[in-house]
Amino acid sequence: MSSEYTTANESSQPNINQSLGSLVSQLSSDLSKLMQQELQLAKVELREEAAKAGKGAGMLGGAGFAGWMAALFLSLTAMWALDKAMDLTWAALIVTIIWGVLGAVLFSMGRKALREVNPKPEQTIDSLKEDAQWVKAQRN
């Protein structure tokens, strides 16, 4: 056993001779230590998840580039195919208009989806409020 564990464990056991003020002070200290440990754990977990997200984002970036290249060459192919039926200038304009409409639709859908995002962590806020109420109840 580490000395930190032994000290914390021994200090958290109530002594019959301790005053109420001392017990409340000890409870406050233990709660503070618990909150610090929970915060450290959350930071470690967030770092690990951020690293995973970074790798995934990099892969999505590569996929996006590959998709862009495919769309570019597909557009050129469509232009050359339309060139058989009309002038190349008109074929390029038609392909450009199709991409413009697709871009506008995707922009509109993306903006709508982003408006529905709530960046406020509601569950965490509710949990912290409950914790604060519990602490107040313990002190009374």
Protein backbone atom coordinates (compact mmCIF):
# COMPACT_ATOMS: atom_id res chain seq x y z
CA MET A 1 0.00 0.00 0.00
CA SER A 2 1.17 3.50 -0.73
CA SER A 3 1.58 5.95 2.09
CA GLU A 4 -0.85 8.35 0.37
CA TYR A 5 -3.59 5.71 0.42
CA THR A 6 -2.90 4.80 4.01
CA THR A 7 -2.92 8.43 5.12
CA ALA A 8 -6.11 9.23 3.19
CA ASN A 9 -7.77 6.05 4.42
CA GLU A 10 -6.84 6.65 8.05
CA SER A 11 -7.87 10.31 7.92
CA SER A 12 -11.26 9.44 6.43
CA GLN A 13 -12.20 7.09 9.28
CA PRO A 14 -14.24 9.00 11.87
CA ASN A 15 -12.86 9.31 15.35
CA ILE A 16 -15.38 9.43 18.21
CA ASN A 17 -13.46 12.28 19.82
CA GLN A 18 -13.58 14.52 16.72
CA SER A 19 -15.81 17.59 16.83
CA LEU A 20 -18.62 18.22 14.37
CA GLY A 21 -16.65 21.11 12.85
CA SER A 22 -13.69 18.84 12.34
CA LEU A 23 -15.86 16.22 10.65
CA VAL A 24 -17.43 18.83 8.36
CA SER A 25 -13.98 20.17 7.51
CA GLN A 26 -12.75 16.65 6.77
CA LEU A 27 -15.83 15.97 4.60
CA SER A 28 -15.22 19.19 2.68
CA SER A 29 -11.57 18.27 2.18
CA ASP A 30 -12.45 14.75 1.02
CA LEU A 31 -15.06 16.09 -1.40
CA SER A 32 -12.56 18.58 -2.77
CA LYS A 33 -10.00 15.81 -3.28
CA LEU A 34 -12.64 13.62 -4.94
CA MET A 35 -13.63 16.41 -7.32
CA GLN A 36 -9.98 17.01 -8.25
CA GLN A 37 -9.48 13.31 -8.95
CA GLU A 38 -12.65 13.17 -11.04
CA LEU A 39 -11.48 16.21 -13.00
CA GLN A 40 -8.08 14.61 -13.64
CA LEU A 41 -9.78 11.42 -14.82
CA ALA A 42 -12.03 13.41 -17.14
CA LYS A 43 -8.99 15.23 -18.59
CA VAL A 44 -7.21 11.94 -19.28
CA GLU A 45 -10.30 10.46 -20.91
CA LEU A 46 -10.82 13.57 -23.03
CA ARG A 47 -7.18 13.50 -24.20
CA GLU A 48 -7.52 9.87 -25.24
CA GLU A 49 -10.77 10.53 -27.07
CA ALA A 50 -9.30 13.65 -28.73
CA ALA A 51 -6.39 11.57 -30.04
CA LYS A 52 -8.82 9.03 -31.49
CA ALA A 53 -10.90 11.83 -32.99
CA GLY A 54 -7.76 13.39 -34.51
CA LYS A 55 -6.84 10.16 -36.25
CA GLY A 56 -10.38 9.73 -37.51
CA ALA A 57 -10.48 13.33 -38.72
CA GLY A 58 -7.22 12.81 -40.60
CA MET A 59 -8.65 9.76 -42.32
CA LEU A 60 -11.83 11.66 -43.17
CA GLY A 61 -9.69 14.45 -44.61
CA GLY A 62 -7.91 11.95 -46.83
CA ALA A 63 -11.24 10.46 -47.89
CA GLY A 64 -12.52 13.95 -48.64
CA PHE A 65 -9.52 14.65 -50.86
CA ALA A 66 -9.97 11.34 -52.68
CA GLY A 67 -13.67 12.13 -53.15
CA TRP A 68 -12.83 15.58 -54.46
CA MET A 69 -10.42 14.07 -57.00
CA ALA A 70 -13.07 11.53 -58.06
CA ALA A 71 -15.63 14.32 -58.47
CA LEU A 72 -13.15 16.37 -60.51
CA PHE A 73 -12.40 13.54 -62.92
CA LEU A 74 -16.07 12.55 -63.10
CA SER A 75 -16.88 16.15 -64.01
CA LEU A 76 -14.25 16.15 -66.75
CA THR A 77 -15.61 12.86 -68.06
CA ALA A 78 -19.16 14.27 -68.07
CA MET A 79 -17.93 17.36 -69.94
CA TRP A 80 -16.21 15.27 -72.59
CA ALA A 81 -19.28 13.02 -72.90
CA LEU A 82 -21.55 16.06 -73.36
CA ASP A 83 -19.03 17.47 -75.85
CA LYS A 84 -20.18 14.75 -78.25
CA ALA A 85 -23.69 16.30 -78.27
CA MET A 86 -22.86 20.04 -77.90
CA ASP A 87 -20.09 22.58 -77.71
CA LEU A 88 -17.54 21.98 -74.91
CA THR A 89 -18.28 25.43 -73.41
CA TRP A 90 -21.96 24.56 -72.90
CA ALA A 91 -21.03 21.14 -71.54
CA ALA A 92 -18.72 22.77 -68.97
CA LEU A 93 -21.46 25.24 -68.01
CA ILE A 94 -24.00 22.44 -67.48
CA VAL A 95 -21.59 20.47 -65.26
CA THR A 96 -20.76 23.65 -63.31
CA ILE A 97 -24.46 24.41 -62.73
CA ILE A 98 -25.07 20.85 -61.49
CA TRP A 99 -22.20 21.20 -59.00
CA GLY A 100 -23.48 24.63 -57.92
CA VAL A 101 -26.96 23.28 -57.19
CA LEU A 102 -25.50 20.33 -55.29
CA GLY A 103 -23.31 22.69 -53.27
CA ALA A 104 -26.25 24.95 -52.40
CA VAL A 105 -28.36 21.99 -51.26
CA LEU A 106 -25.53 20.60 -49.11
CA PHE A 107 -24.87 24.06 -47.63
CA SER A 108 -28.53 24.45 -46.71
CA MET A 109 -28.69 21.00 -45.10
CA GLY A 110 -25.44 21.57 -43.20
CA ARG A 111 -26.56 24.95 -41.88
CA LYS A 112 -29.85 23.44 -40.70
CA ALA A 113 -28.01 20.61 -38.93
CA LEU A 114 -25.62 23.06 -37.22
CA ARG A 115 -28.50 25.19 -35.95
CA GLU A 116 -29.81 22.13 -34.09
CA VAL A 117 -26.51 21.61 -32.24
CA ASN A 118 -26.55 22.56 -28.55
CA PRO A 119 -22.95 23.12 -27.35
CA LYS A 120 -24.09 23.34 -23.73
CA PRO A 121 -23.48 20.04 -21.85
CA GLU A 122 -26.96 19.80 -20.29
CA GLN A 123 -26.42 16.47 -18.51
CA THR A 124 -23.17 17.64 -16.92
CA ILE A 125 -24.80 20.86 -15.73
CA ASP A 126 -27.71 18.92 -14.22
CA SER A 127 -25.30 16.49 -12.56
CA LEU A 128 -23.23 19.32 -11.06
CA LYS A 129 -26.38 20.98 -9.74
CA GLU A 130 -27.41 17.70 -8.09
CA ASP A 131 -23.92 17.37 -6.57
CA ALA A 132 -24.12 20.90 -5.19
CA GLN A 133 -27.53 20.19 -3.66
CA TRP A 134 -26.21 16.98 -2.11
CA VAL A 135 -23.23 18.83 -0.58
CA LYS A 136 -25.56 21.50 0.83
CA ALA A 137 -27.77 18.79 2.32
CA GLN A 138 -24.73 17.12 3.90
CA ARG A 139 -23.61 20.37 5.52
CA ASN A 140 -27.05 21.05 7.06
